[in-house]
Amino acid sequence: MKLYWRPPAVFFAHSNHKVITGIKSRLREKLRCRGFGQILNSRNIGCCPRGFTLIEVIVAITILSISLVMVMQLFSAGLKASRASCDYTRAVIYAKDIMEEMSGSSESESGKFEDGFFWEIEVTPYEDPEGAIDNLLQIKVKVSWDDVRRKPKSLELVSLRTIESKEEL
């Protein structure tokens, strides 16, 4: 009996076809036993793994839980950054509004907004280092608040305003 083998695993024989069929089925079983799509039957129970071991399951659950914790921390950090950005934006808007409102007065004041933001205005004559300009006022608006962890935060805007004469100082 002569056997010939061709690449797509097709066997040809000159004589007994049953012997060839048995060899082909055993070869197929051995090939399936080495990969993941195993077919379990009474002949190949000893050669194929039956599933995952306890160690593999524990390692997989550990990796999954660590990655889940990391993803949750990323979401938490994103929410904190969003909250801080919102607070700073509101402080800038409040400071600009206060600067616009105090266009007529030249005295220092302070106050509180209804949502926990405090503000202070400090008005001083501007001192030019060269001494060329003498009709300017320096206006500092400081807005402060407490963040989520009760840490004090503040923002300060500084602007210059011209005055008509020195008597307004």
N, C-alpha and C. Protein backbone atom coordinates (compact mmCIF):
# COMPACT_ATOMS: atom_id res chain seq x y z
N MET A 1 0.85 -1.17 0.00
CA MET A 1 0.00 0.00 0.00
C MET A 1 0.89 1.23 0.00
N LYS A 2 0.67 2.13 -0.94
CA LYS A 2 1.43 3.35 -1.03
C LYS A 2 0.52 4.52 -0.70
N LEU A 3 1.01 5.45 0.13
CA LEU A 3 0.25 6.65 0.49
C LEU A 3 0.92 7.85 -0.13
N TYR A 4 0.11 8.75 -0.65
CA TYR A 4 0.62 10.00 -1.19
C TYR A 4 -0.10 11.14 -0.48
N TRP A 5 0.64 12.16 -0.18
CA TRP A 5 0.04 13.30 0.53
C TRP A 5 0.21 14.56 -0.30
N ARG A 6 -0.90 15.33 -0.44
CA ARG A 6 -0.87 16.60 -1.15
C ARG A 6 -1.21 17.72 -0.17
N PRO A 7 -0.83 18.97 -0.41
CA PRO A 7 -0.98 20.07 0.55
C PRO A 7 -2.33 20.23 1.22
N PRO A 8 -3.49 20.17 0.58
CA PRO A 8 -4.69 20.37 1.39
C PRO A 8 -5.07 19.13 2.18
N ALA A 9 -4.12 18.32 2.53
CA ALA A 9 -4.31 17.13 3.35
C ALA A 9 -5.29 16.15 2.72
N VAL A 10 -5.15 15.89 1.47
CA VAL A 10 -5.98 14.89 0.79
C VAL A 10 -5.11 13.65 0.57
N PHE A 11 -5.57 12.53 1.04
CA PHE A 11 -4.81 11.29 0.93
C PHE A 11 -5.37 10.45 -0.21
N PHE A 12 -4.46 9.82 -0.92
CA PHE A 12 -4.86 8.89 -1.97
C PHE A 12 -4.22 7.53 -1.71
N ALA A 13 -4.91 6.50 -2.02
CA ALA A 13 -4.35 5.15 -1.85
C ALA A 13 -4.77 4.30 -3.03
N HIS A 14 -3.94 3.33 -3.28
CA HIS A 14 -4.26 2.43 -4.38
C HIS A 14 -5.13 1.27 -3.94
N SER A 15 -5.14 1.03 -2.63
CA SER A 15 -5.89 -0.14 -2.20
C SER A 15 -6.92 0.21 -1.14
N ASN A 16 -6.75 -0.13 0.07
CA ASN A 16 -7.75 -0.10 1.13
C ASN A 16 -8.12 1.34 1.54
N HIS A 17 -9.34 1.73 1.28
CA HIS A 17 -9.81 3.10 1.57
C HIS A 17 -10.12 3.29 3.05
N LYS A 18 -10.53 2.24 3.79
CA LYS A 18 -10.85 2.36 5.20
C LYS A 18 -9.61 2.68 6.04
N VAL A 19 -8.49 2.15 5.71
CA VAL A 19 -7.26 2.41 6.45
C VAL A 19 -6.87 3.88 6.30
N ILE A 20 -7.02 4.40 5.10
CA ILE A 20 -6.68 5.80 4.84
C ILE A 20 -7.62 6.72 5.60
N THR A 21 -8.90 6.39 5.62
CA THR A 21 -9.87 7.22 6.34
C THR A 21 -9.54 7.25 7.83
N GLY A 22 -9.15 6.15 8.41
CA GLY A 22 -8.79 6.10 9.82
C GLY A 22 -7.56 6.95 10.11
N ILE A 23 -6.57 6.90 9.23
CA ILE A 23 -5.36 7.70 9.42
C ILE A 23 -5.69 9.19 9.33
N LYS A 24 -6.54 9.55 8.38
CA LYS A 24 -6.93 10.95 8.23
C LYS A 24 -7.67 11.46 9.47
N SER A 25 -8.56 10.65 10.03
CA SER A 25 -9.32 11.10 11.20
C SER A 25 -8.41 11.22 12.42
N ARG A 26 -7.45 10.32 12.61
CA ARG A 26 -6.50 10.44 13.72
C ARG A 26 -5.61 11.67 13.56
N LEU A 27 -5.19 11.94 12.36
CA LEU A 27 -4.36 13.12 12.11
C LEU A 27 -5.14 14.39 12.40
N ARG A 28 -6.41 14.43 11.98
CA ARG A 28 -7.26 15.59 12.27
C ARG A 28 -7.44 15.79 13.76
N GLU A 29 -7.63 14.70 14.50
CA GLU A 29 -7.79 14.79 15.96
C GLU A 29 -6.54 15.34 16.63
N LYS A 30 -5.38 14.90 16.18
CA LYS A 30 -4.15 15.39 16.76
C LYS A 30 -3.96 16.89 16.46
N LEU A 31 -4.30 17.30 15.26
CA LEU A 31 -4.16 18.72 14.90
C LEU A 31 -5.13 19.58 15.70
N ARG A 32 -6.35 19.11 15.91
CA ARG A 32 -7.33 19.86 16.68
C ARG A 32 -6.96 19.91 18.15
N CYS A 33 -6.30 18.89 18.63
CA CYS A 33 -5.93 18.81 20.02
C CYS A 33 -4.91 19.87 20.40
N ARG A 34 -4.12 20.35 19.45
CA ARG A 34 -3.07 21.33 19.75
C ARG A 34 -3.58 22.76 19.74
N GLY A 35 -4.69 23.03 19.14
CA GLY A 35 -5.19 24.40 19.06
C GLY A 35 -6.31 24.66 20.06
N PHE A 36 -7.03 25.79 19.84
CA PHE A 36 -8.08 26.14 20.78
C PHE A 36 -9.41 25.46 20.46
N GLY A 37 -9.77 25.21 19.28
CA GLY A 37 -11.08 24.64 18.99
C GLY A 37 -11.09 23.13 19.14
N GLN A 38 -10.79 22.64 20.32
CA GLN A 38 -10.65 21.20 20.53
C GLN A 38 -12.01 20.49 20.47
N ILE A 39 -11.97 19.32 19.95
CA ILE A 39 -13.13 18.45 19.96
C ILE A 39 -12.81 17.31 20.92
N LEU A 40 -13.58 17.18 21.97
CA LEU A 40 -13.31 16.15 22.97
C LEU A 40 -14.17 14.93 22.68
N ASN A 41 -13.53 13.81 22.64
CA ASN A 41 -14.25 12.55 22.57
C ASN A 41 -13.48 11.52 23.37
N SER A 42 -13.92 10.28 23.35
CA SER A 42 -13.31 9.27 24.20
C SER A 42 -11.88 8.95 23.80
N ARG A 43 -11.50 9.21 22.58
CA ARG A 43 -10.15 8.88 22.14
C ARG A 43 -9.10 9.92 22.52
N ASN A 44 -9.50 11.18 22.61
CA ASN A 44 -8.47 12.21 22.81
C ASN A 44 -8.64 12.98 24.11
N ILE A 45 -9.28 12.42 25.12
CA ILE A 45 -9.48 13.13 26.38
C ILE A 45 -8.15 13.43 27.05
N GLY A 46 -7.19 12.56 27.00
CA GLY A 46 -5.92 12.76 27.67
C GLY A 46 -5.03 13.79 26.99
N CYS A 47 -5.19 14.02 25.71
CA CYS A 47 -4.26 14.90 25.02
C CYS A 47 -4.72 16.35 24.95
N CYS A 48 -5.99 16.64 25.17
CA CYS A 48 -6.49 18.00 25.04
C CYS A 48 -6.71 18.64 26.40
N PRO A 49 -6.35 19.94 26.57
CA PRO A 49 -6.70 20.61 27.82
C PRO A 49 -8.20 20.85 27.88
N ARG A 50 -8.78 20.74 29.08
CA ARG A 50 -10.23 20.82 29.21
C ARG A 50 -10.73 22.22 29.50
N GLY A 51 -9.91 23.17 29.85
CA GLY A 51 -10.39 24.51 30.19
C GLY A 51 -9.28 25.29 30.85
N PHE A 52 -9.67 26.27 31.66
CA PHE A 52 -8.70 27.13 32.33
C PHE A 52 -8.42 26.63 33.73
N THR A 53 -7.19 26.79 34.16
CA THR A 53 -6.86 26.41 35.53
C THR A 53 -7.27 27.53 36.47
N LEU A 54 -7.26 27.23 37.76
CA LEU A 54 -7.64 28.22 38.76
C LEU A 54 -6.68 29.41 38.75
N ILE A 55 -5.40 29.14 38.57
CA ILE A 55 -4.41 30.22 38.53
C ILE A 55 -4.68 31.16 37.35
N GLU A 56 -5.00 30.60 36.20
CA GLU A 56 -5.30 31.43 35.03
C GLU A 56 -6.52 32.30 35.27
N VAL A 57 -7.53 31.76 35.90
CA VAL A 57 -8.74 32.54 36.20
C VAL A 57 -8.43 33.65 37.19
N ILE A 58 -7.65 33.36 38.22
CA ILE A 58 -7.31 34.38 39.22
C ILE A 58 -6.48 35.50 38.59
N VAL A 59 -5.51 35.14 37.76
CA VAL A 59 -4.69 36.15 37.08
C VAL A 59 -5.55 37.01 36.16
N ALA A 60 -6.46 36.40 35.43
CA ALA A 60 -7.33 37.16 34.53
C ALA A 60 -8.23 38.12 35.30
N ILE A 61 -8.79 37.67 36.41
CA ILE A 61 -9.66 38.54 37.22
C ILE A 61 -8.85 39.67 37.85
N THR A 62 -7.62 39.38 38.27
CA THR A 62 -6.76 40.42 38.84
C THR A 62 -6.43 41.49 37.81
N ILE A 63 -6.06 41.09 36.63
CA ILE A 63 -5.77 42.05 35.56
C ILE A 63 -7.00 42.87 35.22
N LEU A 64 -8.14 42.23 35.14
CA LEU A 64 -9.39 42.93 34.84
C LEU A 64 -9.73 43.93 35.93
N SER A 65 -9.58 43.56 37.19
CA SER A 65 -9.93 44.49 38.28
C SER A 65 -8.96 45.67 38.34
N ILE A 66 -7.67 45.44 38.10
CA ILE A 66 -6.71 46.55 38.09
C ILE A 66 -7.01 47.52 36.96
N SER A 67 -7.32 47.00 35.79
CA SER A 67 -7.63 47.90 34.67
C SER A 67 -8.94 48.65 34.91
N LEU A 68 -9.90 48.02 35.56
CA LEU A 68 -11.16 48.70 35.87
C LEU A 68 -10.94 49.84 36.86
N VAL A 69 -10.10 49.61 37.87
CA VAL A 69 -9.78 50.66 38.84
C VAL A 69 -9.09 51.83 38.15
N MET A 70 -8.18 51.54 37.24
CA MET A 70 -7.47 52.62 36.52
C MET A 70 -8.43 53.45 35.67
N VAL A 71 -9.37 52.79 35.02
CA VAL A 71 -10.35 53.52 34.20
C VAL A 71 -11.22 54.41 35.08
N MET A 72 -11.62 53.90 36.24
CA MET A 72 -12.44 54.71 37.16
C MET A 72 -11.66 55.92 37.68
N GLN A 73 -10.37 55.76 37.94
CA GLN A 73 -9.55 56.89 38.38
C GLN A 73 -9.42 57.94 37.28
N LEU A 74 -9.33 57.49 36.04
CA LEU A 74 -9.28 58.45 34.93
C LEU A 74 -10.56 59.26 34.84
N PHE A 75 -11.70 58.61 35.00
CA PHE A 75 -12.97 59.34 34.98
C PHE A 75 -13.05 60.33 36.14
N SER A 76 -12.59 59.92 37.31
CA SER A 76 -12.61 60.79 38.48
C SER A 76 -11.72 62.01 38.27
N ALA A 77 -10.53 61.80 37.74
CA ALA A 77 -9.62 62.93 37.48
C ALA A 77 -10.21 63.88 36.43
N GLY A 78 -10.88 63.34 35.45
CA GLY A 78 -11.53 64.18 34.45
C GLY A 78 -12.63 65.04 35.04
N LEU A 79 -13.41 64.46 35.95
CA LEU A 79 -14.47 65.24 36.59
C LEU A 79 -13.91 66.34 37.49
N LYS A 80 -12.81 66.04 38.20
CA LYS A 80 -12.19 67.07 39.04
C LYS A 80 -11.65 68.21 38.20
N ALA A 81 -11.01 67.88 37.09
CA ALA A 81 -10.47 68.92 36.21
C ALA A 81 -11.59 69.76 35.61
N SER A 82 -12.68 69.13 35.27
CA SER A 82 -13.83 69.86 34.73
C SER A 82 -14.42 70.81 35.77
N ARG A 83 -14.50 70.35 37.00
CA ARG A 83 -15.03 71.20 38.07
C ARG A 83 -14.11 72.41 38.32
N ALA A 84 -12.80 72.18 38.35
CA ALA A 84 -11.84 73.27 38.57
C ALA A 84 -11.91 74.28 37.42
N SER A 85 -12.03 73.80 36.21
CA SER A 85 -12.13 74.69 35.05
C SER A 85 -13.40 75.54 35.13
N CYS A 86 -14.50 74.93 35.54
CA CYS A 86 -15.76 75.65 35.69
C CYS A 86 -15.64 76.75 36.75
N ASP A 87 -14.99 76.43 37.88
CA ASP A 87 -14.82 77.42 38.95
C ASP A 87 -13.96 78.60 38.48
N TYR A 88 -12.86 78.33 37.80
CA TYR A 88 -12.00 79.41 37.32
C TYR A 88 -12.71 80.27 36.27
N THR A 89 -13.51 79.65 35.42
CA THR A 89 -14.25 80.41 34.41
C THR A 89 -15.26 81.33 35.08
N ARG A 90 -15.97 80.82 36.08
CA ARG A 90 -16.92 81.67 36.80
C ARG A 90 -16.22 82.81 37.52
N ALA A 91 -15.03 82.55 38.09
CA ALA A 91 -14.28 83.61 38.78
C ALA A 91 -13.86 84.71 37.80
N VAL A 92 -13.43 84.33 36.61
CA VAL A 92 -13.04 85.33 35.60
C VAL A 92 -14.26 86.17 35.18
N ILE A 93 -15.37 85.52 34.98
CA ILE A 93 -16.59 86.25 34.59
C ILE A 93 -17.01 87.21 35.70
N TYR A 94 -16.98 86.77 36.96
CA TYR A 94 -17.32 87.65 38.08
C TYR A 94 -16.37 88.84 38.16
N ALA A 95 -15.07 88.60 37.99
CA ALA A 95 -14.09 89.68 38.07
C ALA A 95 -14.31 90.71 36.96
N LYS A 96 -14.61 90.24 35.75
CA LYS A 96 -14.88 91.18 34.64
C LYS A 96 -16.14 91.99 34.90
N ASP A 97 -17.17 91.33 35.43
CA ASP A 97 -18.41 92.04 35.74
C ASP A 97 -18.18 93.12 36.80
N ILE A 98 -17.40 92.82 37.82
CA ILE A 98 -17.12 93.80 38.88
C ILE A 98 -16.32 94.97 38.32
N MET A 99 -15.35 94.69 37.44
CA MET A 99 -14.57 95.78 36.84
C MET A 99 -15.45 96.70 36.01
N GLU A 100 -16.38 96.14 35.28
CA GLU A 100 -17.28 96.96 34.48
C GLU A 100 -18.22 97.79 35.35
N GLU A 101 -18.69 97.22 36.44
CA GLU A 101 -19.62 97.92 37.33
C GLU A 101 -18.96 99.09 38.07
N MET A 102 -17.69 98.99 38.37
CA MET A 102 -17.05 100.04 39.16
C MET A 102 -16.44 101.14 38.29
N SER A 103 -17.02 101.40 37.18
CA SER A 103 -16.47 102.39 36.26
C SER A 103 -16.49 103.81 36.84
N GLY A 104 -17.41 104.11 37.73
CA GLY A 104 -17.51 105.47 38.25
C GLY A 104 -16.78 105.70 39.55
N SER A 105 -16.61 104.69 40.38
CA SER A 105 -16.01 104.91 41.70
C SER A 105 -14.51 104.61 41.68
N SER A 106 -13.81 105.18 42.62
CA SER A 106 -12.37 104.95 42.71
C SER A 106 -11.99 104.58 44.15
N GLU A 107 -12.81 103.79 44.81
CA GLU A 107 -12.51 103.38 46.18
C GLU A 107 -12.51 101.86 46.28
N SER A 108 -11.84 101.34 47.29
CA SER A 108 -11.74 99.89 47.49
C SER A 108 -13.02 99.37 48.14
N GLU A 109 -13.47 98.20 47.69
CA GLU A 109 -14.69 97.58 48.19
C GLU A 109 -14.49 96.08 48.28
N SER A 110 -15.46 95.40 48.91
CA SER A 110 -15.46 93.94 48.94
C SER A 110 -16.91 93.46 49.04
N GLY A 111 -17.12 92.19 48.73
CA GLY A 111 -18.48 91.65 48.78
C GLY A 111 -18.48 90.15 48.56
N LYS A 112 -19.69 89.62 48.46
CA LYS A 112 -19.86 88.18 48.31
C LYS A 112 -20.95 87.90 47.29
N PHE A 113 -20.71 86.88 46.46
CA PHE A 113 -21.74 86.40 45.55
C PHE A 113 -22.57 85.33 46.25
N GLU A 114 -23.73 85.04 45.70
CA GLU A 114 -24.62 84.09 46.35
C GLU A 114 -24.16 82.64 46.27
N ASP A 115 -23.21 82.32 45.42
CA ASP A 115 -22.77 80.93 45.29
C ASP A 115 -21.42 80.65 45.95
N GLY A 116 -21.00 81.49 46.91
CA GLY A 116 -19.80 81.21 47.69
C GLY A 116 -18.53 81.88 47.19
N PHE A 117 -18.61 82.71 46.18
CA PHE A 117 -17.44 83.43 45.68
C PHE A 117 -17.37 84.79 46.39
N PHE A 118 -16.17 85.18 46.83
CA PHE A 118 -15.94 86.47 47.47
C PHE A 118 -15.12 87.34 46.53
N TRP A 119 -15.34 88.66 46.62
CA TRP A 119 -14.55 89.56 45.77
C TRP A 119 -14.04 90.75 46.57
N GLU A 120 -12.90 91.27 46.15
CA GLU A 120 -12.28 92.46 46.74
C GLU A 120 -11.75 93.33 45.61
N ILE A 121 -11.94 94.64 45.78
CA ILE A 121 -11.40 95.60 44.81
C ILE A 121 -10.40 96.48 45.54
N GLU A 122 -9.25 96.65 44.92
CA GLU A 122 -8.23 97.55 45.45
C GLU A 122 -7.89 98.55 44.35
N VAL A 123 -8.11 99.83 44.63
CA VAL A 123 -7.85 100.89 43.66
C VAL A 123 -6.70 101.74 44.19
N THR A 124 -5.63 101.86 43.42
CA THR A 124 -4.48 102.67 43.81
C THR A 124 -4.01 103.49 42.61
N PRO A 125 -3.38 104.63 42.84
CA PRO A 125 -2.80 105.38 41.71
C PRO A 125 -1.64 104.58 41.11
N TYR A 126 -1.59 104.59 39.80
CA TYR A 126 -0.53 103.86 39.10
C TYR A 126 0.74 104.69 39.10
N GLU A 127 1.82 104.06 39.48
CA GLU A 127 3.10 104.74 39.50
C GLU A 127 3.92 104.26 38.31
N ASP A 128 4.09 105.16 37.37
CA ASP A 128 4.86 104.84 36.18
C ASP A 128 6.35 104.88 36.53
N PRO A 129 7.14 103.85 36.20
CA PRO A 129 8.55 103.87 36.55
C PRO A 129 9.32 105.01 35.87
N GLU A 130 8.86 105.44 34.71
CA GLU A 130 9.54 106.53 34.01
C GLU A 130 8.99 107.89 34.42
N GLY A 131 7.84 107.91 35.03
CA GLY A 131 7.24 109.16 35.47
C GLY A 131 6.55 109.94 34.36
N ALA A 132 6.32 109.35 33.22
CA ALA A 132 5.72 110.06 32.09
C ALA A 132 4.20 110.13 32.20
N ILE A 133 3.58 109.11 32.77
CA ILE A 133 2.12 109.07 32.84
C ILE A 133 1.71 109.21 34.30
N ASP A 134 0.79 110.17 34.57
CA ASP A 134 0.38 110.34 35.97
C ASP A 134 -1.14 110.35 36.15
N ASN A 135 -1.91 110.08 35.12
CA ASN A 135 -3.36 110.09 35.28
C ASN A 135 -3.97 108.69 35.10
N LEU A 136 -3.37 107.67 35.74
CA LEU A 136 -3.87 106.30 35.65
C LEU A 136 -4.16 105.75 37.05
N LEU A 137 -5.21 104.94 37.11
CA LEU A 137 -5.53 104.20 38.32
C LEU A 137 -5.30 102.71 38.05
N GLN A 138 -4.72 102.04 39.03
CA GLN A 138 -4.54 100.59 38.93
C GLN A 138 -5.67 99.93 39.72
N ILE A 139 -6.41 99.06 39.04
CA ILE A 139 -7.55 98.38 39.66
C ILE A 139 -7.23 96.89 39.76
N LYS A 140 -7.25 96.36 40.97
CA LYS A 140 -7.05 94.93 41.22
C LYS A 140 -8.35 94.35 41.73
N VAL A 141 -8.84 93.35 41.03
CA VAL A 141 -10.04 92.63 41.46
C VAL A 141 -9.61 91.21 41.81
N LYS A 142 -9.85 90.82 43.05
CA LYS A 142 -9.50 89.48 43.51
C LYS A 142 -10.78 88.73 43.84
N VAL A 143 -10.96 87.59 43.19
CA VAL A 143 -12.11 86.72 43.45
C VAL A 143 -11.57 85.45 44.09
N SER A 144 -12.14 85.07 45.23
CA SER A 144 -11.69 83.87 45.94
C SER A 144 -12.88 82.96 46.24
N TRP A 145 -12.59 81.67 46.40
CA TRP A 145 -13.61 80.67 46.69
C TRP A 145 -12.94 79.44 47.29
N ASP A 146 -13.73 78.54 47.82
CA ASP A 146 -13.24 77.26 48.33
C ASP A 146 -13.62 76.17 47.35
N ASP A 147 -12.66 75.30 47.02
CA ASP A 147 -12.97 74.22 46.10
C ASP A 147 -13.66 73.07 46.82
N VAL A 148 -13.80 71.94 46.17
CA VAL A 148 -14.54 70.80 46.72
C VAL A 148 -13.90 70.28 48.00
N ARG A 149 -12.57 70.31 48.07
CA ARG A 149 -11.87 69.82 49.25
C ARG A 149 -11.64 70.93 50.28
N ARG A 150 -12.34 72.02 50.16
CA ARG A 150 -12.27 73.17 51.07
C ARG A 150 -10.89 73.84 51.08
N LYS A 151 -10.19 73.74 49.96
CA LYS A 151 -8.93 74.45 49.82
C LYS A 151 -9.23 75.81 49.20
N PRO A 152 -8.67 76.88 49.76
CA PRO A 152 -8.96 78.21 49.21
C PRO A 152 -8.27 78.41 47.86
N LYS A 153 -9.03 78.93 46.93
CA LYS A 153 -8.53 79.25 45.59
C LYS A 153 -8.83 80.72 45.33
N SER A 154 -8.03 81.36 44.50
CA SER A 154 -8.28 82.76 44.19
C SER A 154 -7.77 83.09 42.79
N LEU A 155 -8.31 84.17 42.26
CA LEU A 155 -7.94 84.68 40.95
C LEU A 155 -7.89 86.19 41.05
N GLU A 156 -6.87 86.79 40.45
CA GLU A 156 -6.72 88.24 40.54
C GLU A 156 -6.54 88.81 39.14
N LEU A 157 -7.34 89.80 38.81
CA LEU A 157 -7.22 90.53 37.55
C LEU A 157 -6.77 91.95 37.85
N VAL A 158 -5.85 92.46 37.06
CA VAL A 158 -5.33 93.81 37.23
C VAL A 158 -5.56 94.57 35.94
N SER A 159 -6.04 95.81 36.08
CA SER A 159 -6.31 96.64 34.92
C SER A 159 -5.93 98.08 35.25
N LEU A 160 -5.78 98.89 34.21
CA LEU A 160 -5.49 100.32 34.36
C LEU A 160 -6.66 101.11 33.78
N ARG A 161 -6.95 102.25 34.44
CA ARG A 161 -8.03 103.12 33.97
C ARG A 161 -7.53 104.55 34.00
N THR A 162 -7.86 105.28 32.97
CA THR A 162 -7.46 106.68 32.92
C THR A 162 -8.47 107.52 33.70
N ILE A 163 -7.97 108.61 34.26
CA ILE A 163 -8.84 109.57 34.97
C ILE A 163 -8.67 110.94 34.32
N GLU A 164 -9.66 111.78 34.53
CA GLU A 164 -9.64 113.10 33.91
C GLU A 164 -8.58 114.01 34.51
N SER A 165 -8.53 114.06 35.82
CA SER A 165 -7.56 114.96 36.47
C SER A 165 -7.02 114.31 37.73
N LYS A 166 -6.02 114.92 38.32
CA LYS A 166 -5.40 114.39 39.53
C LYS A 166 -6.33 114.49 40.74
N GLU A 167 -7.34 115.33 40.69
CA GLU A 167 -8.24 115.53 41.83
C GLU A 167 -9.11 114.30 42.07
N GLU A 168 -9.33 113.45 41.09
CA GLU A 168 -10.15 112.25 41.25
C GLU A 168 -9.46 111.19 42.07
N LEU A 169 -8.14 111.28 42.23
CA LEU A 169 -7.40 110.29 43.00
C LEU A 169 -7.75 110.41 44.45
